[in-house]
Amino acid sequence: MDMLKTVRRLNSKFVKPIREGIYELRIEWEGDIYRVFFIFDEGNIIVLFNGFQKKTRKTPTSEIEKAITIKREYYEYKREQNQKL
């Protein structure tokens, strides 16, 4: 997580684009590998989405779809809040 805040360009070992502006952050902790999806909002803010323990080489489609749904909900909520201003 600290790398996302401080490093301008991360190695693809840690971060890779997935789909529709969603990225995957690879975290290794106590010998297990975890993934957390995130997006960039307005080029600066990182919004973290769902995370999971990755047990296969391929990222599960269901987890990608969940992240896409969360992203859409996030932007819809943000749009509604901006309309109230």
PDB file of N, CA and C in Angstrom:
ATOM      1  N   MET A   1       0.821  -1.190   0.000  1.00  0.00           N
ATOM      2  CA  MET A   1       0.000   0.000   0.000  1.00  0.00           C
ATOM      3  C   MET A   1       0.865   1.254   0.000  1.00  0.00           C
ATOM      4  N   ASP A   2       1.963   1.208   0.741  1.00  0.00           N
ATOM      5  CA  ASP A   2       2.848   2.369   0.770  1.00  0.00           C
ATOM      6  C   ASP A   2       3.424   2.662  -0.607  1.00  0.00           C
ATOM      7  N   MET A   3       3.682   1.597  -1.380  1.00  0.00           N
ATOM      8  CA  MET A   3       4.225   1.806  -2.728  1.00  0.00           C
ATOM      9  C   MET A   3       3.261   2.615  -3.583  1.00  0.00           C
ATOM     10  N   LEU A   4       1.970   2.367  -3.464  1.00  0.00           N
ATOM     11  CA  LEU A   4       0.995   3.107  -4.262  1.00  0.00           C
ATOM     12  C   LEU A   4       1.028   4.594  -3.948  1.00  0.00           C
ATOM     13  N   LYS A   5       1.331   4.932  -2.703  1.00  0.00           N
ATOM     14  CA  LYS A   5       1.359   6.331  -2.298  1.00  0.00           C
ATOM     15  C   LYS A   5       2.655   7.029  -2.685  1.00  0.00           C
ATOM     16  N   THR A   6       3.758   6.288  -2.778  1.00  0.00           N
ATOM     17  CA  THR A   6       5.052   6.950  -2.889  1.00  0.00           C
ATOM     18  C   THR A   6       5.794   6.722  -4.202  1.00  0.00           C
ATOM     19  N   VAL A   7       5.519   5.654  -4.917  1.00  0.00           N
ATOM     20  CA  VAL A   7       6.277   5.337  -6.126  1.00  0.00           C
ATOM     21  C   VAL A   7       5.483   5.753  -7.358  1.00  0.00           C
ATOM     22  N   ARG A   8       6.128   6.488  -8.266  1.00  0.00           N
ATOM     23  CA  ARG A   8       5.438   6.982  -9.463  1.00  0.00           C
ATOM     24  C   ARG A   8       5.140   5.866 -10.456  1.00  0.00           C
ATOM     25  N   ARG A   9       6.068   4.963 -10.651  1.00  0.00           N
ATOM     26  CA  ARG A   9       5.878   3.859 -11.594  1.00  0.00           C
ATOM     27  C   ARG A   9       6.202   2.553 -10.891  1.00  0.00           C
ATOM     28  N   LEU A  10       5.205   1.711 -10.807  1.00  0.00           N
ATOM     29  CA  LEU A  10       5.390   0.436 -10.122  1.00  0.00           C
ATOM     30  C   LEU A  10       5.706  -0.671 -11.115  1.00  0.00           C
ATOM     31  N   ASN A  11       6.509  -1.595 -10.701  1.00  0.00           N
ATOM     32  CA  ASN A  11       6.852  -2.766 -11.488  1.00  0.00           C
ATOM     33  C   ASN A  11       5.595  -3.587 -11.741  1.00  0.00           C
ATOM     34  N   SER A  12       5.500  -4.193 -12.928  1.00  0.00           N
ATOM     35  CA  SER A  12       4.328  -5.003 -13.264  1.00  0.00           C
ATOM     36  C   SER A  12       4.213  -6.237 -12.372  1.00  0.00           C
ATOM     37  N   LYS A  13       5.249  -6.526 -11.614  1.00  0.00           N
ATOM     38  CA  LYS A  13       5.172  -7.615 -10.628  1.00  0.00           C
ATOM     39  C   LYS A  13       4.154  -7.268  -9.539  1.00  0.00           C
ATOM     40  N   PHE A  14       3.973  -5.981  -9.279  1.00  0.00           N
ATOM     41  CA  PHE A  14       3.088  -5.542  -8.210  1.00  0.00           C
ATOM     42  C   PHE A  14       1.755  -4.986  -8.695  1.00  0.00           C
ATOM     43  N   VAL A  15       1.743  -4.350  -9.863  1.00  0.00           N
ATOM     44  CA  VAL A  15       0.533  -3.715 -10.383  1.00  0.00           C
ATOM     45  C   VAL A  15       0.401  -4.034 -11.862  1.00  0.00           C
ATOM     46  N   LYS A  16      -0.828  -4.396 -12.271  1.00  0.00           N
ATOM     47  CA  LYS A  16      -1.062  -4.593 -13.697  1.00  0.00           C
ATOM     48  C   LYS A  16      -2.485  -4.180 -14.029  1.00  0.00           C
ATOM     49  N   PRO A  17      -2.667  -3.635 -15.242  1.00  0.00           N
ATOM     50  CA  PRO A  17      -4.021  -3.274 -15.672  1.00  0.00           C
ATOM     51  C   PRO A  17      -4.840  -4.541 -15.921  1.00  0.00           C
ATOM     52  N   ILE A  18      -6.101  -4.493 -15.552  1.00  0.00           N
ATOM     53  CA  ILE A  18      -6.978  -5.640 -15.742  1.00  0.00           C
ATOM     54  C   ILE A  18      -7.953  -5.373 -16.882  1.00  0.00           C
ATOM     55  N   ARG A  19      -8.858  -4.401 -16.667  1.00  0.00           N
ATOM     56  CA  ARG A  19      -9.875  -4.113 -17.682  1.00  0.00           C
ATOM     57  C   ARG A  19     -10.657  -2.879 -17.266  1.00  0.00           C
ATOM     58  N   GLU A  20     -11.064  -2.082 -18.249  1.00  0.00           N
ATOM     59  CA  GLU A  20     -11.938  -0.918 -18.025  1.00  0.00           C
ATOM     60  C   GLU A  20     -11.414   0.026 -16.947  1.00  0.00           C
ATOM     61  N   GLY A  21     -10.108   0.268 -16.948  1.00  0.00           N
ATOM     62  CA  GLY A  21      -9.518   1.195 -15.986  1.00  0.00           C
ATOM     63  C   GLY A  21      -9.311   0.623 -14.601  1.00  0.00           C
ATOM     64  N   ILE A  22      -9.490  -0.662 -14.465  1.00  0.00           N
ATOM     65  CA  ILE A  22      -9.276  -1.329 -13.178  1.00  0.00           C
ATOM     66  C   ILE A  22      -7.892  -1.957 -13.180  1.00  0.00           C
ATOM     67  N   TYR A  23      -7.195  -1.789 -12.073  1.00  0.00           N
ATOM     68  CA  TYR A  23      -5.853  -2.332 -11.907  1.00  0.00           C
ATOM     69  C   TYR A  23      -5.852  -3.336 -10.760  1.00  0.00           C
ATOM     70  N   GLU A  24      -4.855  -4.205 -10.795  1.00  0.00           N
ATOM     71  CA  GLU A  24      -4.709  -5.221  -9.764  1.00  0.00           C
ATOM     72  C   GLU A  24      -3.408  -4.977  -9.012  1.00  0.00           C
ATOM     73  N   LEU A  25      -3.499  -4.877  -7.691  1.00  0.00           N
ATOM     74  CA  LEU A  25      -2.333  -4.732  -6.831  1.00  0.00           C
ATOM     75  C   LEU A  25      -2.017  -6.098  -6.245  1.00  0.00           C
ATOM     76  N   ARG A  26      -0.800  -6.553  -6.424  1.00  0.00           N
ATOM     77  CA  ARG A  26      -0.370  -7.862  -5.924  1.00  0.00           C
ATOM     78  C   ARG A  26       0.311  -7.667  -4.578  1.00  0.00           C
ATOM     79  N   ILE A  27      -0.178  -8.407  -3.595  1.00  0.00           N
ATOM     80  CA  ILE A  27       0.371  -8.318  -2.245  1.00  0.00           C
ATOM     81  C   ILE A  27       0.755  -9.722  -1.793  1.00  0.00           C
ATOM     82  N   GLU A  28       1.970  -9.850  -1.299  1.00  0.00           N
ATOM     83  CA  GLU A  28       2.394 -11.126  -0.738  1.00  0.00           C
ATOM     84  C   GLU A  28       2.551 -10.932   0.758  1.00  0.00           C
ATOM     85  N   TRP A  29       1.875 -11.788   1.534  1.00  0.00           N
ATOM     86  CA  TRP A  29       1.911 -11.661   2.984  1.00  0.00           C
ATOM     87  C   TRP A  29       1.891 -13.046   3.609  1.00  0.00           C
ATOM     88  N   GLU A  30       2.882 -13.301   4.433  1.00  0.00           N
ATOM     89  CA  GLU A  30       3.030 -14.579   5.122  1.00  0.00           C
ATOM     90  C   GLU A  30       2.952 -15.771   4.159  1.00  0.00           C
ATOM     91  N   GLY A  31       3.579 -15.616   3.015  1.00  0.00           N
ATOM     92  CA  GLY A  31       3.662 -16.691   2.039  1.00  0.00           C
ATOM     93  C   GLY A  31       2.448 -16.851   1.143  1.00  0.00           C
ATOM     94  N   ASP A  32       1.384 -16.086   1.382  1.00  0.00           N
ATOM     95  CA  ASP A  32       0.195 -16.140   0.535  1.00  0.00           C
ATOM     96  C   ASP A  32       0.163 -14.933  -0.382  1.00  0.00           C
ATOM     97  N   ILE A  33      -0.494 -15.090  -1.523  1.00  0.00           N
ATOM     98  CA  ILE A  33      -0.598 -14.001  -2.489  1.00  0.00           C
ATOM     99  C   ILE A  33      -2.045 -13.513  -2.514  1.00  0.00           C
ATOM    100  N   TYR A  34      -2.183 -12.190  -2.413  1.00  0.00           N
ATOM    101  CA  TYR A  34      -3.497 -11.564  -2.427  1.00  0.00           C
ATOM    102  C   TYR A  34      -3.542 -10.552  -3.559  1.00  0.00           C
ATOM    103  N   ARG A  35      -4.750 -10.257  -4.020  1.00  0.00           N
ATOM    104  CA  ARG A  35      -4.959  -9.247  -5.045  1.00  0.00           C
ATOM    105  C   ARG A  35      -6.006  -8.265  -4.540  1.00  0.00           C
ATOM    106  N   VAL A  36      -5.787  -6.991  -4.835  1.00  0.00           N
ATOM    107  CA  VAL A  36      -6.755  -5.945  -4.534  1.00  0.00           C
ATOM    108  C   VAL A  36      -6.939  -5.136  -5.804  1.00  0.00           C
ATOM    109  N   PHE A  37      -8.182  -4.938  -6.209  1.00  0.00           N
ATOM    110  CA  PHE A  37      -8.455  -4.121  -7.385  1.00  0.00           C
ATOM    111  C   PHE A  37      -8.591  -2.664  -6.981  1.00  0.00           C
ATOM    112  N   PHE A  38      -8.174  -1.764  -7.886  1.00  0.00           N
ATOM    113  CA  PHE A  38      -8.303  -0.335  -7.623  1.00  0.00           C
ATOM    114  C   PHE A  38      -8.415   0.421  -8.925  1.00  0.00           C
ATOM    115  N   ILE A  39      -8.833   1.683  -8.811  1.00  0.00           N
ATOM    116  CA  ILE A  39      -8.867   2.602  -9.954  1.00  0.00           C
ATOM    117  C   ILE A  39      -8.196   3.898  -9.520  1.00  0.00           C
ATOM    118  N   PHE A  40      -7.863   4.708 -10.499  1.00  0.00           N
ATOM    119  CA  PHE A  40      -7.412   6.067 -10.229  1.00  0.00           C
ATOM    120  C   PHE A  40      -8.597   6.982 -10.479  1.00  0.00           C
ATOM    121  N   ASP A  41      -8.839   7.888  -9.551  1.00  0.00           N
ATOM    122  CA  ASP A  41      -9.925   8.845  -9.711  1.00  0.00           C
ATOM    123  C   ASP A  41      -9.311  10.225  -9.878  1.00  0.00           C
ATOM    124  N   GLU A  42      -9.604  10.849 -10.982  1.00  0.00           N
ATOM    125  CA  GLU A  42      -9.090  12.179 -11.319  1.00  0.00           C
ATOM    126  C   GLU A  42      -7.566  12.199 -11.351  1.00  0.00           C
ATOM    127  N   GLY A  43      -6.969  11.066 -11.679  1.00  0.00           N
ATOM    128  CA  GLY A  43      -5.535  10.993 -11.852  1.00  0.00           C
ATOM    129  C   GLY A  43      -4.716  10.950 -10.573  1.00  0.00           C
ATOM    130  N   ASN A  44      -5.319  11.193  -9.442  1.00  0.00           N
ATOM    131  CA  ASN A  44      -4.560  11.270  -8.200  1.00  0.00           C
ATOM    132  C   ASN A  44      -5.036  10.320  -7.112  1.00  0.00           C
ATOM    133  N   ILE A  45      -6.311  10.176  -6.978  1.00  0.00           N
ATOM    134  CA  ILE A  45      -6.858   9.429  -5.848  1.00  0.00           C
ATOM    135  C   ILE A  45      -6.970   7.961  -6.225  1.00  0.00           C
ATOM    136  N   ILE A  46      -6.511   7.114  -5.339  1.00  0.00           N
ATOM    137  CA  ILE A  46      -6.644   5.686  -5.572  1.00  0.00           C
ATOM    138  C   ILE A  46      -7.828   5.198  -4.757  1.00  0.00           C
ATOM    139  N   VAL A  47      -8.740   4.531  -5.441  1.00  0.00           N
ATOM    140  CA  VAL A  47      -9.915   3.989  -4.778  1.00  0.00           C
ATOM    141  C   VAL A  47      -9.772   2.476  -4.761  1.00  0.00           C
ATOM    142  N   LEU A  48      -9.709   1.864  -3.587  1.00  0.00           N
ATOM    143  CA  LEU A  48      -9.552   0.413  -3.478  1.00  0.00           C
ATOM    144  C   LEU A  48     -10.902  -0.281  -3.510  1.00  0.00           C
ATOM    145  N   PHE A  49     -10.930  -1.397  -4.220  1.00  0.00           N
ATOM    146  CA  PHE A  49     -12.158  -2.181  -4.364  1.00  0.00           C
ATOM    147  C   PHE A  49     -12.002  -3.514  -3.668  1.00  0.00           C
ATOM    148  N   ASN A  50     -12.604  -4.526  -4.251  1.00  0.00           N
ATOM    149  CA  ASN A  50     -12.582  -5.854  -3.647  1.00  0.00           C
ATOM    150  C   ASN A  50     -11.202  -6.484  -3.692  1.00  0.00           C
ATOM    151  N   GLY A  51     -10.939  -7.338  -2.725  1.00  0.00           N
ATOM    152  CA  GLY A  51      -9.689  -8.073  -2.652  1.00  0.00           C
ATOM    153  C   GLY A  51      -9.982  -9.549  -2.451  1.00  0.00           C
ATOM    154  N   PHE A  52      -9.006 -10.368  -2.773  1.00  0.00           N
ATOM    155  CA  PHE A  52      -9.191 -11.812  -2.646  1.00  0.00           C
ATOM    156  C   PHE A  52      -7.843 -12.500  -2.622  1.00  0.00           C
ATOM    157  N   GLN A  53      -7.829 -13.728  -2.161  1.00  0.00           N
ATOM    158  CA  GLN A  53      -6.610 -14.527  -2.193  1.00  0.00           C
ATOM    159  C   GLN A  53      -6.592 -15.257  -3.523  1.00  0.00           C
ATOM    160  N   LYS A  54      -5.522 -15.089  -4.241  1.00  0.00           N
ATOM    161  CA  LYS A  54      -5.407 -15.705  -5.560  1.00  0.00           C
ATOM    162  C   LYS A  54      -4.784 -17.090  -5.409  1.00  0.00           C
ATOM    163  N   LYS A  55      -5.510 -18.092  -5.899  1.00  0.00           N
ATOM    164  CA  LYS A  55      -5.042 -19.465  -5.746  1.00  0.00           C
ATOM    165  C   LYS A  55      -4.711 -20.119  -7.088  1.00  0.00           C
ATOM    166  N   THR A  56      -5.039 -19.423  -8.185  1.00  0.00           N
ATOM    167  CA  THR A  56      -4.741 -19.947  -9.517  1.00  0.00           C
ATOM    168  C   THR A  56      -3.975 -18.888 -10.294  1.00  0.00           C
ATOM    169  N   ARG A  57      -3.461 -19.256 -11.445  1.00  0.00           N
ATOM    170  CA  ARG A  57      -2.708 -18.295 -12.264  1.00  0.00           C
ATOM    171  C   ARG A  57      -3.624 -17.244 -12.871  1.00  0.00           C
ATOM    172  N   LYS A  58      -4.840 -17.623 -13.205  1.00  0.00           N
ATOM    173  CA  LYS A  58      -5.774 -16.715 -13.870  1.00  0.00           C
ATOM    174  C   LYS A  58      -6.636 -15.993 -12.841  1.00  0.00           C
ATOM    175  N   THR A  59      -6.805 -14.689 -13.040  1.00  0.00           N
ATOM    176  CA  THR A  59      -7.666 -13.914 -12.161  1.00  0.00           C
ATOM    177  C   THR A  59      -9.113 -14.322 -12.419  1.00  0.00           C
ATOM    178  N   PRO A  60      -9.851 -14.683 -11.378  1.00  0.00           N
ATOM    179  CA  PRO A  60     -11.235 -15.130 -11.570  1.00  0.00           C
ATOM    180  C   PRO A  60     -12.111 -14.047 -12.208  1.00  0.00           C
ATOM    181  N   THR A  61     -12.844 -14.439 -13.232  1.00  0.00           N
ATOM    182  CA  THR A  61     -13.737 -13.513 -13.927  1.00  0.00           C
ATOM    183  C   THR A  61     -14.762 -12.927 -12.968  1.00  0.00           C
ATOM    184  N   SER A  62     -15.227 -13.721 -12.020  1.00  0.00           N
ATOM    185  CA  SER A  62     -16.231 -13.227 -11.073  1.00  0.00           C
ATOM    186  C   SER A  62     -15.682 -12.069 -10.239  1.00  0.00           C
ATOM    187  N   GLU A  63     -14.408 -12.110  -9.895  1.00  0.00           N
ATOM    188  CA  GLU A  63     -13.795 -11.022  -9.124  1.00  0.00           C
ATOM    189  C   GLU A  63     -13.640  -9.768  -9.981  1.00  0.00           C
ATOM    190  N   ILE A  64     -13.308  -9.950 -11.245  1.00  0.00           N
ATOM    191  CA  ILE A  64     -13.202  -8.801 -12.167  1.00  0.00           C
ATOM    192  C   ILE A  64     -14.565  -8.154 -12.338  1.00  0.00           C
ATOM    193  N   GLU A  65     -15.589  -8.953 -12.545  1.00  0.00           N
ATOM    194  CA  GLU A  65     -16.941  -8.430 -12.715  1.00  0.00           C
ATOM    195  C   GLU A  65     -17.402  -7.695 -11.458  1.00  0.00           C
ATOM    196  N   LYS A  66     -17.049  -8.219 -10.292  1.00  0.00           N
ATOM    197  CA  LYS A  66     -17.396  -7.559  -9.029  1.00  0.00           C
ATOM    198  C   LYS A  66     -16.735  -6.177  -8.957  1.00  0.00           C
ATOM    199  N   ALA A  67     -15.472  -6.096  -9.363  1.00  0.00           N
ATOM    200  CA  ALA A  67     -14.757  -4.812  -9.353  1.00  0.00           C
ATOM    201  C   ALA A  67     -15.389  -3.823 -10.325  1.00  0.00           C
ATOM    202  N   ILE A  68     -15.798  -4.297 -11.491  1.00  0.00           N
ATOM    203  CA  ILE A  68     -16.449  -3.422 -12.475  1.00  0.00           C
ATOM    204  C   ILE A  68     -17.761  -2.888 -11.913  1.00  0.00           C
ATOM    205  N   THR A  69     -18.520  -3.728 -11.243  1.00  0.00           N
ATOM    206  CA  THR A  69     -19.779  -3.299 -10.620  1.00  0.00           C
ATOM    207  C   THR A  69     -19.517  -2.247  -9.550  1.00  0.00           C
ATOM    208  N   ILE A  70     -18.516  -2.475  -8.707  1.00  0.00           N
ATOM    209  CA  ILE A  70     -18.179  -1.507  -7.654  1.00  0.00           C
ATOM    210  C   ILE A  70     -17.738  -0.182  -8.270  1.00  0.00           C
ATOM    211  N   LYS A  71     -16.964  -0.248  -9.337  1.00  0.00           N
ATOM    212  CA  LYS A  71     -16.518   0.972 -10.020  1.00  0.00           C
ATOM    213  C   LYS A  71     -17.719   1.765 -10.528  1.00  0.00           C
ATOM    214  N   ARG A  72     -18.657   1.099 -11.175  1.00  0.00           N
ATOM    215  CA  ARG A  72     -19.858   1.785 -11.692  1.00  0.00           C
ATOM    216  C   ARG A  72     -20.658   2.404 -10.550  1.00  0.00           C
ATOM    217  N   GLU A  73     -20.817   1.669  -9.461  1.00  0.00           N
ATOM    218  CA  GLU A  73     -21.550   2.192  -8.307  1.00  0.00           C
ATOM    219  C   GLU A  73     -20.834   3.401  -7.704  1.00  0.00           C
ATOM    220  N   TYR A  74     -19.517   3.338  -7.652  1.00  0.00           N
ATOM    221  CA  TYR A  74     -18.728   4.453  -7.113  1.00  0.00           C
ATOM    222  C   TYR A  74     -18.960   5.722  -7.926  1.00  0.00           C
ATOM    223  N   TYR A  75     -18.850   5.604  -9.263  1.00  0.00           N
ATOM    224  CA  TYR A  75     -19.024   6.788 -10.103  1.00  0.00           C
ATOM    225  C   TYR A  75     -20.460   7.284 -10.109  1.00  0.00           C
ATOM    226  N   GLU A  76     -21.434   6.409  -9.983  1.00  0.00           N
ATOM    227  CA  GLU A  76     -22.835   6.828  -9.885  1.00  0.00           C
ATOM    228  C   GLU A  76     -23.055   7.600  -8.585  1.00  0.00           C
ATOM    229  N   TYR A  77     -22.520   7.089  -7.479  1.00  0.00           N
ATOM    230  CA  TYR A  77     -22.637   7.778  -6.196  1.00  0.00           C
ATOM    231  C   TYR A  77     -21.955   9.149  -6.269  1.00  0.00           C
ATOM    232  N   LYS A  78     -20.779   9.186  -6.851  1.00  0.00           N
ATOM    233  CA  LYS A  78     -20.038  10.446  -6.972  1.00  0.00           C
ATOM    234  C   LYS A  78     -20.822  11.459  -7.812  1.00  0.00           C
ATOM    235  N   ARG A  79     -21.425  10.984  -8.910  1.00  0.00           N
ATOM    236  CA  ARG A  79     -22.218  11.866  -9.775  1.00  0.00           C
ATOM    237  C   ARG A  79     -23.408  12.425  -9.012  1.00  0.00           C
ATOM    238  N   GLU A  80     -24.095  11.567  -8.248  1.00  0.00           N
ATOM    239  CA  GLU A  80     -25.239  12.012  -7.459  1.00  0.00           C
ATOM    240  C   GLU A  80     -24.820  13.053  -6.423  1.00  0.00           C
ATOM    241  N   GLN A  81     -23.681  12.841  -5.778  1.00  0.00           N
ATOM    242  CA  GLN A  81     -23.207  13.796  -4.777  1.00  0.00           C
ATOM    243  C   GLN A  81     -22.859  15.132  -5.414  1.00  0.00           C
ATOM    244  N   ASN A  82     -22.269  15.112  -6.590  1.00  0.00           N
ATOM    245  CA  ASN A  82     -21.926  16.351  -7.282  1.00  0.00           C
ATOM    246  C   ASN A  82     -23.163  17.116  -7.724  1.00  0.00           C
ATOM    247  N   GLN A  83     -24.232  16.402  -8.041  1.00  0.00           N
ATOM    248  CA  GLN A  83     -25.476  17.068  -8.440  1.00  0.00           C
ATOM    249  C   GLN A  83     -26.123  17.806  -7.265  1.00  0.00           C
ATOM    250  N   LYS A  84     -25.874  17.321  -6.057  1.00  0.00           N
ATOM    251  CA  LYS A  84     -26.447  17.940  -4.862  1.00  0.00           C
ATOM    252  C   LYS A  84     -25.759  19.260  -4.518  1.00  0.00           C
ATOM    253  N   LEU A  85     -24.539  19.452  -5.031  1.00  0.00           N
ATOM    254  CA  LEU A  85     -23.784  20.670  -4.696  1.00  0.00           C
ATOM    255  C   LEU A  85     -24.273  21.851  -5.435  1.00  0.00           C
TER     256      LEU A  85
END
